[in-house]
N, C-alpha and C. Protein backbone atom coordinates (compact mmCIF):
# COMPACT_ATOMS: atom_id res chain seq x y z
N UNK A 1 56.59 -23.70 87.27
CA UNK A 1 58.02 -23.47 87.44
C UNK A 1 58.57 -24.44 88.49
N UNK A 2 59.73 -25.04 88.29
CA UNK A 2 60.33 -26.00 89.25
C UNK A 2 60.58 -25.23 90.57
N UNK A 3 61.07 -24.02 90.50
CA UNK A 3 61.26 -23.21 91.68
C UNK A 3 61.01 -21.78 91.37
N UNK A 4 59.94 -21.19 91.85
CA UNK A 4 59.61 -19.80 91.58
C UNK A 4 59.95 -18.91 92.80
N UNK A 5 60.51 -19.52 93.84
CA UNK A 5 60.89 -18.77 95.05
C UNK A 5 62.30 -18.40 95.00
N UNK A 6 62.60 -17.10 95.15
CA UNK A 6 63.99 -16.64 95.12
C UNK A 6 64.74 -16.98 96.36
N UNK A 7 64.07 -17.50 97.35
CA UNK A 7 64.75 -17.88 98.63
C UNK A 7 65.32 -19.29 98.57
N UNK A 8 64.89 -20.09 97.62
CA UNK A 8 65.37 -21.42 97.49
C UNK A 8 66.08 -21.65 96.18
N UNK A 9 67.23 -22.17 96.19
CA UNK A 9 68.06 -22.32 95.00
C UNK A 9 68.20 -23.77 94.58
N UNK A 10 67.82 -24.10 93.36
CA UNK A 10 67.99 -25.47 92.83
C UNK A 10 69.12 -25.43 91.79
N UNK A 11 69.75 -26.63 91.60
CA UNK A 11 70.72 -26.80 90.55
C UNK A 11 69.99 -27.53 89.41
N UNK A 12 69.93 -26.90 88.30
CA UNK A 12 69.21 -27.42 87.12
C UNK A 12 70.25 -27.77 86.05
N UNK A 13 70.20 -28.98 85.58
CA UNK A 13 71.15 -29.43 84.51
C UNK A 13 70.35 -29.68 83.21
N UNK A 14 70.78 -29.01 82.18
CA UNK A 14 70.12 -29.20 80.86
C UNK A 14 71.06 -29.98 79.98
N UNK A 15 70.63 -31.13 79.52
CA UNK A 15 71.43 -31.93 78.57
C UNK A 15 71.02 -31.55 77.18
N UNK A 16 72.00 -31.20 76.35
CA UNK A 16 71.77 -30.85 74.96
C UNK A 16 72.51 -31.86 74.06
N UNK A 17 71.82 -32.61 73.22
CA UNK A 17 72.48 -33.48 72.33
C UNK A 17 73.50 -32.71 71.48
N UNK A 18 73.13 -31.48 71.06
CA UNK A 18 73.98 -30.58 70.26
C UNK A 18 73.77 -29.16 70.69
N UNK A 19 74.77 -28.30 70.50
CA UNK A 19 74.57 -26.89 70.81
C UNK A 19 73.39 -26.31 70.02
N UNK A 20 72.50 -25.69 70.62
CA UNK A 20 71.26 -25.03 70.26
C UNK A 20 70.03 -25.78 70.74
N UNK A 21 70.16 -27.09 71.03
CA UNK A 21 69.01 -27.85 71.49
C UNK A 21 68.49 -27.33 72.80
N UNK A 22 69.44 -26.89 73.66
CA UNK A 22 69.03 -26.41 75.00
C UNK A 22 68.17 -25.12 74.89
N UNK A 23 68.41 -24.30 73.91
CA UNK A 23 67.65 -23.07 73.73
C UNK A 23 66.33 -23.34 73.01
N UNK A 24 66.40 -24.21 71.99
CA UNK A 24 65.16 -24.62 71.31
C UNK A 24 64.13 -25.22 72.24
N UNK A 25 64.62 -26.15 73.05
CA UNK A 25 63.72 -26.88 73.98
C UNK A 25 63.28 -26.17 75.20
N UNK A 26 64.20 -25.38 75.83
CA UNK A 26 63.87 -24.78 77.14
C UNK A 26 64.58 -23.49 77.38
N UNK A 27 64.89 -22.72 76.32
CA UNK A 27 65.59 -21.44 76.52
C UNK A 27 64.86 -20.48 77.42
N UNK A 28 63.56 -20.38 77.27
CA UNK A 28 62.76 -19.52 78.10
C UNK A 28 62.71 -19.96 79.55
N UNK A 29 62.59 -21.25 79.72
CA UNK A 29 62.58 -21.82 81.09
C UNK A 29 63.97 -21.61 81.72
N UNK A 30 65.04 -21.74 81.00
CA UNK A 30 66.35 -21.48 81.55
C UNK A 30 66.44 -20.08 82.05
N UNK A 31 66.06 -19.10 81.23
CA UNK A 31 66.06 -17.67 81.61
C UNK A 31 65.20 -17.44 82.87
N UNK A 32 64.03 -18.05 82.89
CA UNK A 32 63.15 -17.89 84.04
C UNK A 32 63.76 -18.50 85.31
N UNK A 33 64.39 -19.65 85.18
CA UNK A 33 65.03 -20.28 86.33
C UNK A 33 66.16 -19.48 86.88
N UNK A 34 66.94 -18.89 86.04
CA UNK A 34 68.08 -18.08 86.46
C UNK A 34 67.59 -16.82 87.17
N UNK A 35 66.56 -16.19 86.66
CA UNK A 35 65.99 -14.99 87.29
C UNK A 35 65.44 -15.32 88.66
N UNK A 36 64.98 -16.58 88.84
CA UNK A 36 64.43 -16.99 90.14
C UNK A 36 65.48 -17.67 91.02
N UNK A 37 66.77 -17.29 90.83
CA UNK A 37 67.83 -17.60 91.72
C UNK A 37 68.29 -19.09 91.64
N UNK A 38 68.03 -19.78 90.59
CA UNK A 38 68.51 -21.14 90.38
C UNK A 38 69.82 -21.11 89.62
N UNK A 39 70.66 -22.11 89.88
CA UNK A 39 71.86 -22.29 89.07
C UNK A 39 71.55 -23.28 87.92
N UNK A 40 71.94 -22.87 86.71
CA UNK A 40 71.69 -23.70 85.54
C UNK A 40 73.04 -24.15 84.93
N UNK A 41 73.13 -25.40 84.64
CA UNK A 41 74.30 -26.01 84.00
C UNK A 41 73.88 -26.65 82.73
N UNK A 42 74.80 -26.68 81.75
CA UNK A 42 74.49 -27.30 80.45
C UNK A 42 75.59 -28.33 80.13
N UNK A 43 75.15 -29.52 79.75
CA UNK A 43 76.08 -30.55 79.30
C UNK A 43 75.80 -30.89 77.82
N UNK A 44 76.70 -30.58 76.98
CA UNK A 44 76.56 -30.78 75.53
C UNK A 44 77.18 -32.16 75.15
N UNK A 45 76.38 -33.07 74.65
CA UNK A 45 76.85 -34.40 74.37
C UNK A 45 77.76 -34.41 73.11
N UNK A 46 77.34 -33.74 72.07
CA UNK A 46 78.12 -33.65 70.79
C UNK A 46 78.18 -32.25 70.35
N UNK A 47 79.30 -31.93 69.72
CA UNK A 47 79.50 -30.60 69.18
C UNK A 47 79.37 -30.58 67.66
N UNK A 48 79.03 -31.72 67.11
CA UNK A 48 78.99 -31.87 65.63
C UNK A 48 80.31 -32.25 65.06
N UNK A 49 80.31 -32.97 64.00
CA UNK A 49 81.61 -33.49 63.49
C UNK A 49 82.28 -32.58 62.46
N UNK A 50 81.50 -31.69 61.84
CA UNK A 50 82.09 -30.87 60.76
C UNK A 50 82.57 -29.52 61.22
N UNK A 51 81.78 -28.85 62.05
CA UNK A 51 82.15 -27.47 62.46
C UNK A 51 82.13 -27.41 64.01
N UNK A 52 82.80 -28.39 64.61
CA UNK A 52 82.78 -28.49 66.08
C UNK A 52 83.24 -27.25 66.76
N UNK A 53 84.37 -26.69 66.36
CA UNK A 53 84.90 -25.53 67.00
C UNK A 53 83.95 -24.30 66.91
N UNK A 54 83.39 -24.12 65.79
CA UNK A 54 82.42 -23.01 65.59
C UNK A 54 81.22 -23.14 66.49
N UNK A 55 80.70 -24.35 66.54
CA UNK A 55 79.48 -24.55 67.32
C UNK A 55 79.76 -24.38 68.86
N UNK A 56 80.97 -24.81 69.25
CA UNK A 56 81.29 -24.60 70.66
C UNK A 56 81.47 -23.15 70.98
N UNK A 57 82.07 -22.40 70.13
CA UNK A 57 82.24 -20.98 70.35
C UNK A 57 80.83 -20.28 70.43
N UNK A 58 79.95 -20.70 69.56
CA UNK A 58 78.61 -20.16 69.67
C UNK A 58 77.92 -20.50 70.96
N UNK A 59 78.10 -21.76 71.37
CA UNK A 59 77.49 -22.18 72.70
C UNK A 59 78.08 -21.41 73.86
N UNK A 60 79.40 -21.15 73.83
CA UNK A 60 79.99 -20.36 74.89
C UNK A 60 79.40 -18.95 74.99
N UNK A 61 79.16 -18.35 73.80
CA UNK A 61 78.56 -17.01 73.78
C UNK A 61 77.14 -17.07 74.34
N UNK A 62 76.40 -18.15 74.02
CA UNK A 62 75.06 -18.30 74.58
C UNK A 62 75.10 -18.42 76.08
N UNK A 63 76.00 -19.27 76.56
CA UNK A 63 76.12 -19.47 78.03
C UNK A 63 76.49 -18.20 78.75
N UNK A 64 77.31 -17.40 78.13
CA UNK A 64 77.72 -16.11 78.75
C UNK A 64 76.52 -15.18 78.76
N UNK A 65 75.86 -15.10 77.66
CA UNK A 65 74.67 -14.24 77.57
C UNK A 65 73.54 -14.62 78.54
N UNK A 66 73.36 -15.94 78.69
CA UNK A 66 72.27 -16.43 79.55
C UNK A 66 72.70 -16.51 81.06
N UNK A 67 73.95 -16.29 81.28
CA UNK A 67 74.52 -16.38 82.68
C UNK A 67 74.40 -17.78 83.23
N UNK A 68 74.76 -18.73 82.35
CA UNK A 68 74.81 -20.13 82.78
C UNK A 68 75.97 -20.33 83.76
N UNK A 69 75.72 -21.10 84.84
CA UNK A 69 76.70 -21.30 85.87
C UNK A 69 77.96 -22.00 85.34
N UNK A 70 77.77 -23.06 84.53
CA UNK A 70 78.89 -23.83 84.01
C UNK A 70 78.35 -24.69 82.85
N UNK A 71 79.28 -25.04 81.92
CA UNK A 71 78.89 -25.91 80.84
C UNK A 71 80.01 -26.89 80.55
N UNK A 72 79.69 -28.04 79.94
CA UNK A 72 80.65 -29.11 79.63
C UNK A 72 80.40 -29.62 78.25
N UNK A 73 81.44 -29.78 77.46
CA UNK A 73 81.42 -30.35 76.12
C UNK A 73 81.97 -31.77 76.17
N UNK A 74 81.14 -32.78 75.93
CA UNK A 74 81.63 -34.17 75.92
C UNK A 74 82.22 -34.59 74.57
N UNK A 75 81.83 -33.92 73.53
CA UNK A 75 82.40 -34.15 72.14
C UNK A 75 82.29 -35.57 71.66
N UNK A 76 81.09 -36.20 71.89
CA UNK A 76 80.85 -37.49 71.31
C UNK A 76 80.80 -37.40 69.79
N UNK A 77 81.45 -38.34 69.07
CA UNK A 77 81.47 -38.36 67.66
C UNK A 77 80.43 -39.34 67.14
N UNK A 78 80.21 -39.35 65.85
CA UNK A 78 79.22 -40.26 65.20
C UNK A 78 79.48 -41.72 65.67
N UNK A 79 80.75 -42.11 65.63
CA UNK A 79 81.05 -43.52 65.92
C UNK A 79 80.96 -43.85 67.39
N UNK A 80 80.99 -42.85 68.28
CA UNK A 80 80.89 -43.11 69.67
C UNK A 80 79.57 -42.61 70.29
N UNK A 81 78.69 -42.12 69.46
CA UNK A 81 77.41 -41.61 69.94
C UNK A 81 76.46 -42.82 70.11
N UNK A 82 76.58 -43.47 71.25
CA UNK A 82 75.82 -44.63 71.53
C UNK A 82 75.68 -44.92 73.02
N UNK A 83 74.82 -45.76 73.38
CA UNK A 83 74.70 -46.13 74.79
C UNK A 83 75.86 -47.08 75.14
N UNK A 84 76.69 -46.63 76.02
CA UNK A 84 77.87 -47.42 76.42
C UNK A 84 78.21 -47.09 77.88
N UNK A 85 78.91 -48.04 78.52
CA UNK A 85 79.34 -47.80 79.90
C UNK A 85 80.25 -46.61 79.96
N UNK A 86 81.15 -46.48 78.95
CA UNK A 86 82.09 -45.37 78.94
C UNK A 86 81.42 -44.03 78.85
N UNK A 87 80.42 -43.88 77.99
CA UNK A 87 79.69 -42.64 77.86
C UNK A 87 78.90 -42.30 79.10
N UNK A 88 78.23 -43.30 79.67
CA UNK A 88 77.46 -43.08 80.86
C UNK A 88 78.36 -42.67 82.03
N UNK A 89 79.53 -43.26 82.14
CA UNK A 89 80.49 -42.91 83.19
C UNK A 89 80.95 -41.46 83.06
N UNK A 90 81.24 -41.03 81.80
CA UNK A 90 81.65 -39.63 81.54
C UNK A 90 80.56 -38.65 81.98
N UNK A 91 79.34 -39.01 81.65
CA UNK A 91 78.23 -38.12 81.95
C UNK A 91 77.99 -37.99 83.47
N UNK A 92 78.03 -39.17 84.12
CA UNK A 92 77.75 -39.16 85.59
C UNK A 92 78.91 -38.50 86.33
N UNK A 93 80.07 -38.52 85.89
CA UNK A 93 81.20 -37.85 86.54
C UNK A 93 80.90 -36.41 86.72
N UNK A 94 80.31 -35.76 85.73
CA UNK A 94 79.95 -34.38 85.85
C UNK A 94 78.77 -34.14 86.77
N UNK A 95 77.84 -35.07 86.76
CA UNK A 95 76.70 -34.97 87.68
C UNK A 95 77.17 -35.05 89.10
N UNK A 96 78.09 -35.94 89.37
CA UNK A 96 78.62 -36.10 90.77
C UNK A 96 79.26 -34.79 91.22
N UNK A 97 79.87 -34.06 90.31
CA UNK A 97 80.53 -32.81 90.59
C UNK A 97 79.50 -31.72 90.96
N UNK A 98 78.43 -31.62 90.20
CA UNK A 98 77.50 -30.47 90.41
C UNK A 98 76.27 -30.88 91.25
N UNK A 99 75.95 -32.17 91.35
CA UNK A 99 74.86 -32.67 92.11
C UNK A 99 73.49 -31.93 91.75
N UNK A 100 72.98 -32.22 90.55
CA UNK A 100 71.80 -31.49 90.07
C UNK A 100 70.51 -31.91 90.83
N UNK A 101 69.60 -31.03 90.96
CA UNK A 101 68.28 -31.29 91.54
C UNK A 101 67.36 -31.83 90.46
N UNK A 102 67.39 -31.19 89.25
CA UNK A 102 66.58 -31.53 88.12
C UNK A 102 67.39 -31.66 86.90
N UNK A 103 67.07 -32.63 86.00
CA UNK A 103 67.83 -32.83 84.77
C UNK A 103 66.80 -32.77 83.59
N UNK A 104 67.18 -31.95 82.62
CA UNK A 104 66.31 -31.81 81.37
C UNK A 104 66.99 -32.48 80.24
N UNK A 105 66.20 -33.26 79.42
CA UNK A 105 66.73 -33.89 78.22
C UNK A 105 65.57 -33.90 77.21
N UNK A 106 65.85 -33.98 75.95
CA UNK A 106 64.84 -34.10 74.91
C UNK A 106 64.02 -35.39 75.11
N UNK A 107 62.78 -35.36 74.66
CA UNK A 107 61.93 -36.55 74.85
C UNK A 107 62.33 -37.71 74.00
N UNK A 108 61.89 -38.89 74.35
CA UNK A 108 62.32 -40.13 73.72
C UNK A 108 61.87 -40.37 72.28
N UNK A 109 60.83 -39.64 71.85
CA UNK A 109 60.31 -39.82 70.52
C UNK A 109 60.67 -38.74 69.57
N UNK A 110 61.70 -37.95 69.94
CA UNK A 110 62.13 -36.84 69.08
C UNK A 110 62.56 -37.39 67.71
N UNK A 111 62.40 -36.59 66.71
CA UNK A 111 62.61 -37.08 65.32
C UNK A 111 64.04 -37.33 64.97
N UNK A 112 64.98 -36.65 65.56
CA UNK A 112 66.39 -36.78 65.25
C UNK A 112 66.99 -38.05 65.86
N UNK A 113 67.70 -38.82 65.10
CA UNK A 113 68.28 -40.08 65.54
C UNK A 113 69.20 -39.94 66.78
N UNK A 114 70.08 -38.96 66.72
CA UNK A 114 71.01 -38.80 67.84
C UNK A 114 70.23 -38.27 69.06
N UNK A 115 69.15 -37.62 68.85
CA UNK A 115 68.33 -37.22 70.07
C UNK A 115 67.71 -38.46 70.68
N UNK A 116 67.26 -39.40 69.91
CA UNK A 116 66.73 -40.65 70.49
C UNK A 116 67.84 -41.36 71.28
N UNK A 117 69.06 -41.45 70.72
CA UNK A 117 70.14 -42.12 71.42
C UNK A 117 70.48 -41.31 72.69
N UNK A 118 70.43 -40.03 72.60
CA UNK A 118 70.67 -39.14 73.80
C UNK A 118 69.76 -39.44 74.92
N UNK A 119 68.43 -39.57 74.59
CA UNK A 119 67.51 -39.95 75.62
C UNK A 119 67.85 -41.31 76.25
N UNK A 120 68.20 -42.25 75.45
CA UNK A 120 68.53 -43.60 75.96
C UNK A 120 69.76 -43.56 76.88
N UNK A 121 70.77 -42.80 76.46
CA UNK A 121 71.98 -42.66 77.28
C UNK A 121 71.63 -42.02 78.62
N UNK A 122 70.89 -40.91 78.57
CA UNK A 122 70.60 -40.14 79.76
C UNK A 122 69.68 -40.88 80.69
N UNK A 123 68.67 -41.62 80.15
CA UNK A 123 67.77 -42.32 81.02
C UNK A 123 68.50 -43.39 81.83
N UNK A 124 69.46 -44.04 81.15
CA UNK A 124 70.24 -45.05 81.84
C UNK A 124 71.25 -44.42 82.91
N UNK A 125 71.82 -43.33 82.48
CA UNK A 125 72.70 -42.58 83.39
C UNK A 125 71.92 -42.09 84.59
N UNK A 126 70.72 -41.61 84.35
CA UNK A 126 69.86 -41.10 85.43
C UNK A 126 69.53 -42.21 86.38
N UNK A 127 69.19 -43.38 85.90
CA UNK A 127 68.85 -44.51 86.74
C UNK A 127 70.09 -44.93 87.57
N UNK A 128 71.23 -45.02 86.92
CA UNK A 128 72.46 -45.48 87.62
C UNK A 128 72.90 -44.43 88.65
N UNK A 129 72.79 -43.16 88.28
CA UNK A 129 73.21 -42.10 89.24
C UNK A 129 72.34 -42.12 90.48
N UNK A 130 71.01 -42.30 90.33
CA UNK A 130 70.10 -42.25 91.45
C UNK A 130 70.22 -43.52 92.36
N UNK A 131 70.59 -44.62 91.73
CA UNK A 131 70.81 -45.84 92.50
C UNK A 131 72.00 -45.70 93.43
N UNK A 132 73.03 -45.06 92.93
CA UNK A 132 74.32 -45.02 93.67
C UNK A 132 74.65 -43.75 94.40
N UNK A 133 73.82 -42.68 94.16
CA UNK A 133 74.14 -41.39 94.75
C UNK A 133 73.35 -41.18 96.09
N UNK A 134 74.02 -40.53 97.04
CA UNK A 134 73.36 -40.18 98.27
C UNK A 134 72.40 -39.03 98.05
N UNK A 135 72.72 -38.15 97.09
CA UNK A 135 71.83 -37.05 96.76
C UNK A 135 71.12 -37.32 95.45
N UNK A 136 69.88 -37.80 95.54
CA UNK A 136 69.16 -38.16 94.34
C UNK A 136 68.49 -36.92 93.73
N UNK A 137 68.30 -37.01 92.39
CA UNK A 137 67.61 -35.92 91.69
C UNK A 137 66.13 -35.96 91.98
N UNK A 138 65.47 -34.83 91.72
CA UNK A 138 64.04 -34.76 91.98
C UNK A 138 63.17 -35.10 90.78
N UNK A 139 63.76 -35.13 89.62
CA UNK A 139 62.98 -35.44 88.41
C UNK A 139 63.80 -35.35 87.15
N UNK A 140 63.42 -36.10 86.15
CA UNK A 140 63.90 -36.03 84.79
C UNK A 140 62.86 -35.34 83.91
N UNK A 141 63.19 -34.27 83.30
CA UNK A 141 62.20 -33.42 82.62
C UNK A 141 62.50 -33.43 81.14
N UNK A 142 61.52 -33.80 80.32
CA UNK A 142 61.69 -33.97 78.88
C UNK A 142 61.18 -32.74 78.11
N UNK A 143 61.98 -32.27 77.22
CA UNK A 143 61.59 -31.12 76.40
C UNK A 143 61.46 -31.51 74.92
N UNK A 144 60.88 -30.62 74.11
CA UNK A 144 60.62 -30.93 72.72
C UNK A 144 61.58 -30.10 71.84
N UNK A 145 62.05 -30.74 70.73
CA UNK A 145 62.90 -30.04 69.77
C UNK A 145 62.38 -30.21 68.35
N UNK A 146 62.60 -31.36 67.73
CA UNK A 146 62.18 -31.53 66.35
C UNK A 146 60.77 -32.13 66.21
N UNK A 147 60.31 -32.74 67.26
CA UNK A 147 58.94 -33.32 67.27
C UNK A 147 58.22 -32.90 68.48
N UNK A 148 57.09 -32.19 68.38
CA UNK A 148 56.32 -31.77 69.55
C UNK A 148 55.92 -32.93 70.44
N UNK A 149 55.91 -32.68 71.74
CA UNK A 149 55.45 -33.63 72.68
C UNK A 149 53.98 -33.95 72.46
N UNK A 150 53.60 -35.21 72.52
CA UNK A 150 52.20 -35.60 72.38
C UNK A 150 51.50 -35.58 73.76
N UNK A 151 52.21 -35.79 74.79
CA UNK A 151 51.69 -35.81 76.18
C UNK A 151 52.67 -35.06 77.03
N UNK A 152 52.19 -34.17 77.88
CA UNK A 152 53.06 -33.37 78.79
C UNK A 152 52.24 -33.01 80.04
N UNK A 153 52.96 -32.70 81.12
CA UNK A 153 52.30 -32.41 82.39
C UNK A 153 52.89 -31.19 83.09
N UNK A 154 53.65 -30.40 82.30
CA UNK A 154 54.17 -29.10 82.85
C UNK A 154 54.19 -28.08 81.75
N UNK A 155 53.56 -26.97 82.00
CA UNK A 155 53.53 -25.81 81.08
C UNK A 155 54.20 -24.60 81.75
N UNK A 156 55.26 -24.06 81.11
CA UNK A 156 55.94 -22.89 81.66
C UNK A 156 55.57 -21.65 80.82
N UNK A 157 55.02 -20.63 81.43
CA UNK A 157 54.76 -19.36 80.82
C UNK A 157 56.10 -18.67 80.64
N UNK A 158 56.54 -18.49 79.38
CA UNK A 158 57.80 -17.83 79.08
C UNK A 158 57.61 -16.52 78.37
N UNK A 159 56.42 -15.98 78.41
CA UNK A 159 56.10 -14.69 77.76
C UNK A 159 57.16 -13.61 78.06
N UNK A 160 57.52 -13.49 79.29
CA UNK A 160 58.49 -12.48 79.72
C UNK A 160 59.90 -12.77 79.20
N UNK A 161 60.18 -14.01 78.77
CA UNK A 161 61.54 -14.43 78.45
C UNK A 161 61.69 -14.81 76.96
N UNK A 162 60.68 -14.62 76.13
CA UNK A 162 60.78 -14.99 74.75
C UNK A 162 61.83 -14.24 74.02
N UNK A 163 61.97 -12.93 74.38
CA UNK A 163 63.02 -12.09 73.74
C UNK A 163 64.40 -12.63 74.03
N UNK A 164 64.61 -13.03 75.31
CA UNK A 164 65.91 -13.59 75.70
C UNK A 164 66.18 -14.90 74.95
N UNK A 165 65.16 -15.73 74.85
CA UNK A 165 65.29 -16.98 74.08
C UNK A 165 65.68 -16.71 72.63
N UNK A 166 64.99 -15.76 71.99
CA UNK A 166 65.27 -15.50 70.59
C UNK A 166 66.65 -14.88 70.42
N UNK A 167 67.07 -14.08 71.36
CA UNK A 167 68.42 -13.48 71.28
C UNK A 167 69.44 -14.58 71.44
N UNK A 168 69.23 -15.50 72.37
CA UNK A 168 70.18 -16.62 72.53
C UNK A 168 70.26 -17.48 71.27
N UNK A 169 69.11 -17.71 70.64
CA UNK A 169 69.11 -18.48 69.35
C UNK A 169 69.94 -17.79 68.27
N UNK A 170 69.89 -16.47 68.32
CA UNK A 170 70.58 -15.73 67.23
C UNK A 170 72.09 -15.93 67.24
N UNK A 171 72.63 -16.39 68.36
CA UNK A 171 74.07 -16.66 68.44
C UNK A 171 74.46 -17.90 67.68
N UNK A 172 73.48 -18.79 67.43
CA UNK A 172 73.76 -20.03 66.67
C UNK A 172 73.63 -19.81 65.21
N UNK A 173 74.51 -18.93 64.68
CA UNK A 173 74.45 -18.57 63.26
C UNK A 173 74.76 -19.72 62.34
N UNK A 174 75.58 -20.65 62.77
CA UNK A 174 75.88 -21.79 61.93
C UNK A 174 74.61 -22.64 61.61
N UNK A 175 73.71 -22.67 62.54
CA UNK A 175 72.50 -23.45 62.35
C UNK A 175 71.44 -22.67 61.62
N UNK A 176 71.37 -21.37 61.88
CA UNK A 176 70.32 -20.55 61.23
C UNK A 176 70.69 -20.26 59.75
N UNK A 177 71.91 -20.52 59.39
CA UNK A 177 72.28 -20.37 57.94
C UNK A 177 71.64 -21.46 57.09
N UNK A 178 71.31 -22.56 57.70
CA UNK A 178 70.72 -23.66 56.90
C UNK A 178 69.19 -23.89 57.18
N UNK A 179 68.72 -23.38 58.34
CA UNK A 179 67.35 -23.54 58.74
C UNK A 179 66.96 -22.52 59.73
N UNK A 180 65.77 -21.85 59.47
CA UNK A 180 65.27 -20.84 60.41
C UNK A 180 64.48 -21.54 61.46
N UNK A 181 65.16 -22.38 62.24
CA UNK A 181 64.45 -23.10 63.37
C UNK A 181 64.02 -22.14 64.38
N UNK A 182 64.62 -20.94 64.49
CA UNK A 182 64.20 -19.92 65.49
C UNK A 182 62.75 -19.52 65.24
N UNK A 183 62.40 -19.34 64.00
CA UNK A 183 61.01 -18.93 63.66
C UNK A 183 60.07 -20.07 63.97
N UNK A 184 60.45 -21.28 63.68
CA UNK A 184 59.58 -22.44 63.91
C UNK A 184 59.34 -22.62 65.41
N UNK A 185 60.38 -22.55 66.23
CA UNK A 185 60.19 -22.73 67.65
C UNK A 185 59.45 -21.58 68.31
N UNK A 186 59.61 -20.38 67.82
CA UNK A 186 58.86 -19.24 68.35
C UNK A 186 57.32 -19.48 68.03
N UNK A 187 57.06 -19.99 66.85
CA UNK A 187 55.66 -20.27 66.54
C UNK A 187 55.07 -21.38 67.36
N UNK A 188 55.90 -22.39 67.64
CA UNK A 188 55.43 -23.49 68.51
C UNK A 188 55.18 -22.99 69.97
N UNK A 189 56.11 -22.16 70.49
CA UNK A 189 55.90 -21.59 71.81
C UNK A 189 54.67 -20.69 71.88
N UNK A 190 54.39 -19.97 70.78
CA UNK A 190 53.17 -19.17 70.78
C UNK A 190 51.92 -20.04 70.77
N UNK A 191 51.94 -21.10 69.98
CA UNK A 191 50.83 -22.02 69.95
C UNK A 191 50.64 -22.67 71.35
N UNK A 192 51.69 -23.11 71.95
CA UNK A 192 51.57 -23.72 73.27
C UNK A 192 51.01 -22.77 74.28
N UNK A 193 51.43 -21.49 74.24
CA UNK A 193 50.93 -20.51 75.16
C UNK A 193 49.45 -20.18 74.99
N UNK A 194 49.11 -19.90 73.77
CA UNK A 194 47.70 -19.51 73.54
C UNK A 194 46.72 -20.59 73.75
N UNK A 195 47.13 -21.83 73.43
CA UNK A 195 46.22 -22.96 73.51
C UNK A 195 46.09 -23.56 74.88
N UNK A 196 47.20 -23.59 75.61
CA UNK A 196 47.22 -24.38 76.84
C UNK A 196 47.29 -23.52 78.13
N UNK A 197 47.87 -22.38 78.07
CA UNK A 197 48.07 -21.64 79.31
C UNK A 197 47.47 -20.25 79.29
N UNK A 198 46.87 -19.91 78.14
CA UNK A 198 46.30 -18.57 77.96
C UNK A 198 47.31 -17.45 78.26
N UNK A 199 48.52 -17.65 77.74
CA UNK A 199 49.56 -16.66 77.84
C UNK A 199 50.07 -16.52 76.38
N UNK A 200 51.00 -15.64 76.19
CA UNK A 200 51.47 -15.40 74.78
C UNK A 200 52.45 -16.46 74.29
N UNK A 201 53.33 -16.92 75.18
CA UNK A 201 54.33 -17.92 74.82
C UNK A 201 54.58 -18.89 75.96
N UNK A 202 54.73 -20.16 75.61
CA UNK A 202 54.96 -21.20 76.66
C UNK A 202 55.83 -22.32 76.14
N UNK A 203 56.54 -22.97 77.03
CA UNK A 203 57.26 -24.22 76.76
C UNK A 203 56.60 -25.31 77.55
N UNK A 204 56.53 -26.50 76.95
CA UNK A 204 55.88 -27.62 77.65
C UNK A 204 56.89 -28.76 77.85
N UNK A 205 56.62 -29.53 78.91
CA UNK A 205 57.52 -30.59 79.31
C UNK A 205 56.80 -31.79 79.84
N UNK A 206 57.42 -32.97 79.82
CA UNK A 206 56.90 -34.17 80.48
C UNK A 206 57.88 -34.50 81.58
N UNK A 207 57.33 -34.54 82.83
CA UNK A 207 58.14 -34.90 83.99
C UNK A 207 58.07 -36.34 84.26
N UNK A 208 59.28 -36.96 84.35
CA UNK A 208 59.42 -38.39 84.70
C UNK A 208 60.13 -38.48 86.02
N UNK A 209 59.51 -39.09 86.99
CA UNK A 209 60.17 -39.34 88.27
C UNK A 209 61.14 -40.54 88.19
N UNK A 210 61.98 -40.72 89.16
CA UNK A 210 62.87 -41.85 89.13
C UNK A 210 62.16 -43.18 88.99
N UNK A 211 61.06 -43.33 89.72
CA UNK A 211 60.31 -44.60 89.71
C UNK A 211 59.71 -44.86 88.34
N UNK A 212 59.38 -43.84 87.60
CA UNK A 212 58.70 -44.05 86.32
C UNK A 212 59.61 -44.70 85.29
N UNK A 213 60.93 -44.66 85.50
CA UNK A 213 61.82 -45.26 84.54
C UNK A 213 61.77 -46.80 84.61
N UNK A 214 61.14 -47.35 85.65
CA UNK A 214 60.94 -48.77 85.75
C UNK A 214 59.65 -49.25 85.16
N UNK A 215 58.80 -48.26 84.75
CA UNK A 215 57.50 -48.61 84.23
C UNK A 215 57.61 -48.92 82.75
N UNK A 216 56.74 -49.81 82.27
CA UNK A 216 56.72 -50.16 80.87
C UNK A 216 55.68 -49.37 80.14
């Protein structure tokens, strides 16, 4: 756990390419962090082009249920979902406001195209923010969504929080109507827990420090 002490409070920012990615990738860890006195923020890059309003309403219900401190919808569209100075500036503006200690984003090899672009945008924003900010973040933490991580260095036991995660996923009815991703991710979390941590359910992550973004 990034912070398991209730006496110390961190600001944790979860970047979601789309509403539901935050719960798929780290819903249990979010619940665990909040119980341990951390503030959790969510920044949604895109709300989807077809049912934007519905997906945002679902996300707001999730944030209320999870007791998220604050969330932001950037509403990037297909034609603007790219690495650009404008997008990076919009993203960093929110970071300067909340001053996060840790930032979560999907990993760079995720199967979804917009997830790959999201990682590229956030990694550049992360680099620029830490170069210019007096309060630097402590780490960029990568989660898994459509493609499991092949290498990771953090395992979170979420056995106590799997029910909260599944309840949060149930609010994303627009997505569950087309795919039972909730069942798939619960199975993956069970596999991660039993195989790697000897617990019932776990989420895994790859931690990248600021300096590692310069490595090839």
